[in-house]
N, C-alpha and C. Protein backbone atom coordinates (compact mmCIF):
# COMPACT_ATOMS: atom_id res chain seq x y z
N MET A 1 59.20 5.36 24.02
CA MET A 1 58.41 6.53 23.72
C MET A 1 59.34 7.67 23.32
N ASN A 2 58.98 8.38 22.26
CA ASN A 2 59.79 9.48 21.75
C ASN A 2 59.19 10.82 22.16
N ASP A 3 60.03 11.72 22.63
CA ASP A 3 59.58 13.07 22.94
C ASP A 3 59.67 13.92 21.68
N TRP A 4 58.73 14.83 21.52
CA TRP A 4 58.71 15.74 20.39
C TRP A 4 58.99 17.16 20.86
N GLU A 5 59.69 17.93 20.03
CA GLU A 5 59.89 19.35 20.23
C GLU A 5 59.20 20.07 19.08
N TYR A 6 58.46 21.14 19.38
CA TYR A 6 57.71 21.87 18.37
C TYR A 6 58.20 23.30 18.28
N GLU A 7 58.19 23.85 17.06
CA GLU A 7 58.59 25.24 16.83
C GLU A 7 57.48 25.94 16.04
N TYR A 8 57.13 27.15 16.44
CA TYR A 8 56.05 27.92 15.81
C TYR A 8 56.58 29.25 15.30
N ASP A 9 55.95 29.78 14.24
CA ASP A 9 56.35 31.09 13.74
C ASP A 9 55.58 32.20 14.46
N GLY A 10 55.76 33.44 14.03
CA GLY A 10 55.11 34.58 14.67
C GLY A 10 53.60 34.59 14.54
N LEU A 11 53.05 33.80 13.59
CA LEU A 11 51.60 33.70 13.42
C LEU A 11 51.05 32.45 14.11
N ASN A 12 51.88 31.83 14.96
CA ASN A 12 51.50 30.65 15.73
C ASN A 12 51.22 29.43 14.85
N ARG A 13 51.91 29.35 13.70
CA ARG A 13 51.79 28.18 12.83
C ARG A 13 52.96 27.25 13.10
N LEU A 14 52.69 25.98 13.10
CA LEU A 14 53.74 24.98 13.29
C LEU A 14 54.71 25.04 12.13
N VAL A 15 56.01 25.24 12.40
CA VAL A 15 57.01 25.28 11.34
C VAL A 15 58.01 24.13 11.45
N ALA A 16 58.08 23.47 12.61
CA ALA A 16 58.99 22.33 12.75
C ALA A 16 58.55 21.46 13.91
N ALA A 17 58.77 20.16 13.73
CA ALA A 17 58.54 19.18 14.80
C ALA A 17 59.69 18.20 14.72
N THR A 18 60.34 17.97 15.85
CA THR A 18 61.54 17.13 15.86
C THR A 18 61.42 16.05 16.92
N SER A 19 61.76 14.83 16.53
CA SER A 19 61.85 13.69 17.44
C SER A 19 62.95 12.80 16.89
N VAL A 20 62.63 11.57 16.59
CA VAL A 20 63.60 10.68 15.95
C VAL A 20 63.88 11.19 14.53
N PHE A 21 62.89 11.77 13.89
CA PHE A 21 63.06 12.40 12.59
C PHE A 21 62.53 13.82 12.68
N GLU A 22 62.72 14.61 11.62
CA GLU A 22 62.34 16.02 11.65
C GLU A 22 61.30 16.33 10.59
N LEU A 23 60.32 17.14 10.95
CA LEU A 23 59.31 17.64 10.03
C LEU A 23 59.46 19.16 9.96
N ASP A 24 59.49 19.72 8.75
CA ASP A 24 59.55 21.17 8.57
C ASP A 24 58.38 21.59 7.69
N TYR A 25 57.79 22.75 7.97
CA TYR A 25 56.62 23.22 7.25
C TYR A 25 56.86 24.60 6.68
N ILE A 26 56.36 24.83 5.45
CA ILE A 26 56.40 26.13 4.79
C ILE A 26 54.97 26.48 4.39
N TYR A 27 54.57 27.74 4.60
CA TYR A 27 53.21 28.19 4.30
C TYR A 27 53.22 29.18 3.14
N ASP A 28 52.11 29.20 2.37
CA ASP A 28 51.99 30.18 1.29
C ASP A 28 51.49 31.51 1.85
N ALA A 29 51.30 32.49 0.97
CA ALA A 29 50.90 33.83 1.40
C ALA A 29 49.52 33.87 2.04
N LEU A 30 48.68 32.86 1.76
CA LEU A 30 47.34 32.81 2.33
C LEU A 30 47.29 32.03 3.63
N GLY A 31 48.43 31.51 4.06
CA GLY A 31 48.48 30.76 5.32
C GLY A 31 48.25 29.28 5.18
N ASN A 32 48.14 28.79 3.94
CA ASN A 32 47.99 27.35 3.71
C ASN A 32 49.35 26.67 3.77
N ARG A 33 49.39 25.46 4.27
CA ARG A 33 50.65 24.72 4.27
C ARG A 33 51.00 24.40 2.82
N ALA A 34 52.15 24.88 2.36
CA ALA A 34 52.58 24.68 0.99
C ALA A 34 53.53 23.50 0.86
N GLN A 35 54.34 23.27 1.89
CA GLN A 35 55.28 22.15 1.88
C GLN A 35 55.45 21.60 3.28
N GLN A 36 55.71 20.30 3.32
CA GLN A 36 56.06 19.63 4.58
C GLN A 36 57.23 18.73 4.25
N THR A 37 58.37 18.99 4.84
CA THR A 37 59.54 18.15 4.60
C THR A 37 59.66 17.14 5.72
N GLU A 38 59.67 15.87 5.34
CA GLU A 38 59.83 14.78 6.29
C GLU A 38 61.21 14.19 6.07
N ASN A 39 62.15 14.59 6.91
CA ASN A 39 63.57 14.27 6.72
C ASN A 39 63.99 14.81 5.36
N THR A 40 64.11 14.01 4.33
CA THR A 40 64.54 14.52 3.02
C THR A 40 63.44 14.44 1.98
N VAL A 41 62.23 14.02 2.34
CA VAL A 41 61.10 13.91 1.40
C VAL A 41 60.24 15.16 1.54
N THR A 42 60.00 15.86 0.41
CA THR A 42 59.25 17.11 0.45
C THR A 42 58.04 17.04 -0.47
N PRO A 43 56.86 16.68 0.07
CA PRO A 43 55.65 16.74 -0.75
C PRO A 43 55.20 18.20 -0.88
N SER A 44 54.45 18.50 -1.94
CA SER A 44 53.87 19.83 -2.08
C SER A 44 52.35 19.71 -2.06
N TYR A 45 51.69 20.79 -1.66
CA TYR A 45 50.25 20.79 -1.49
C TYR A 45 49.62 21.82 -2.40
N THR A 46 48.42 21.55 -2.93
CA THR A 46 47.65 22.54 -3.68
C THR A 46 46.26 22.65 -3.06
N TYR A 47 45.69 23.86 -3.19
CA TYR A 47 44.40 24.17 -2.59
C TYR A 47 43.47 24.75 -3.64
N ASN A 48 42.15 24.57 -3.45
CA ASN A 48 41.19 25.18 -4.36
C ASN A 48 40.87 26.59 -3.89
N ASN A 49 39.94 27.28 -4.59
CA ASN A 49 39.63 28.66 -4.24
C ASN A 49 38.87 28.80 -2.93
N MET A 50 38.44 27.67 -2.34
CA MET A 50 37.79 27.70 -1.03
C MET A 50 38.77 27.34 0.08
N MET A 51 40.08 27.34 -0.27
CA MET A 51 41.16 27.07 0.68
C MET A 51 41.13 25.63 1.20
N ARG A 52 40.58 24.72 0.41
CA ARG A 52 40.55 23.31 0.81
C ARG A 52 41.67 22.57 0.09
N LEU A 53 42.33 21.71 0.81
CA LEU A 53 43.41 20.91 0.24
C LEU A 53 42.85 20.02 -0.86
N THR A 54 43.45 20.09 -2.06
CA THR A 54 42.98 19.28 -3.17
C THR A 54 43.98 18.21 -3.60
N SER A 55 45.25 18.41 -3.29
CA SER A 55 46.23 17.37 -3.64
C SER A 55 47.50 17.49 -2.82
N LYS A 56 48.15 16.36 -2.69
CA LYS A 56 49.47 16.27 -2.06
C LYS A 56 50.33 15.48 -3.04
N THR A 57 51.43 16.06 -3.47
CA THR A 57 52.29 15.43 -4.46
C THR A 57 53.66 15.16 -3.85
N VAL A 58 54.13 13.92 -4.02
CA VAL A 58 55.46 13.54 -3.54
C VAL A 58 56.29 13.15 -4.74
N ALA A 59 57.45 13.77 -4.89
CA ALA A 59 58.34 13.47 -6.02
C ALA A 59 58.87 12.05 -5.91
N GLU A 60 58.94 11.38 -7.04
CA GLU A 60 59.52 10.03 -7.12
C GLU A 60 61.01 10.16 -7.41
N TYR A 61 61.82 9.41 -6.70
CA TYR A 61 63.27 9.45 -6.93
C TYR A 61 63.74 8.14 -7.49
């Protein structure tokens, strides 16, 4: 079993989670998650005008 450590910003949003691997989060000006880095993979997120997630894009290497 792996223990997780969590880190939050001043607005109480999750910005990092660490265990065997690390997750880092970046938010846009509206508070939507804009990026989530999983070790070295960084997908990006887009939202519609109702603040609903519409896509997650992962770069191909």
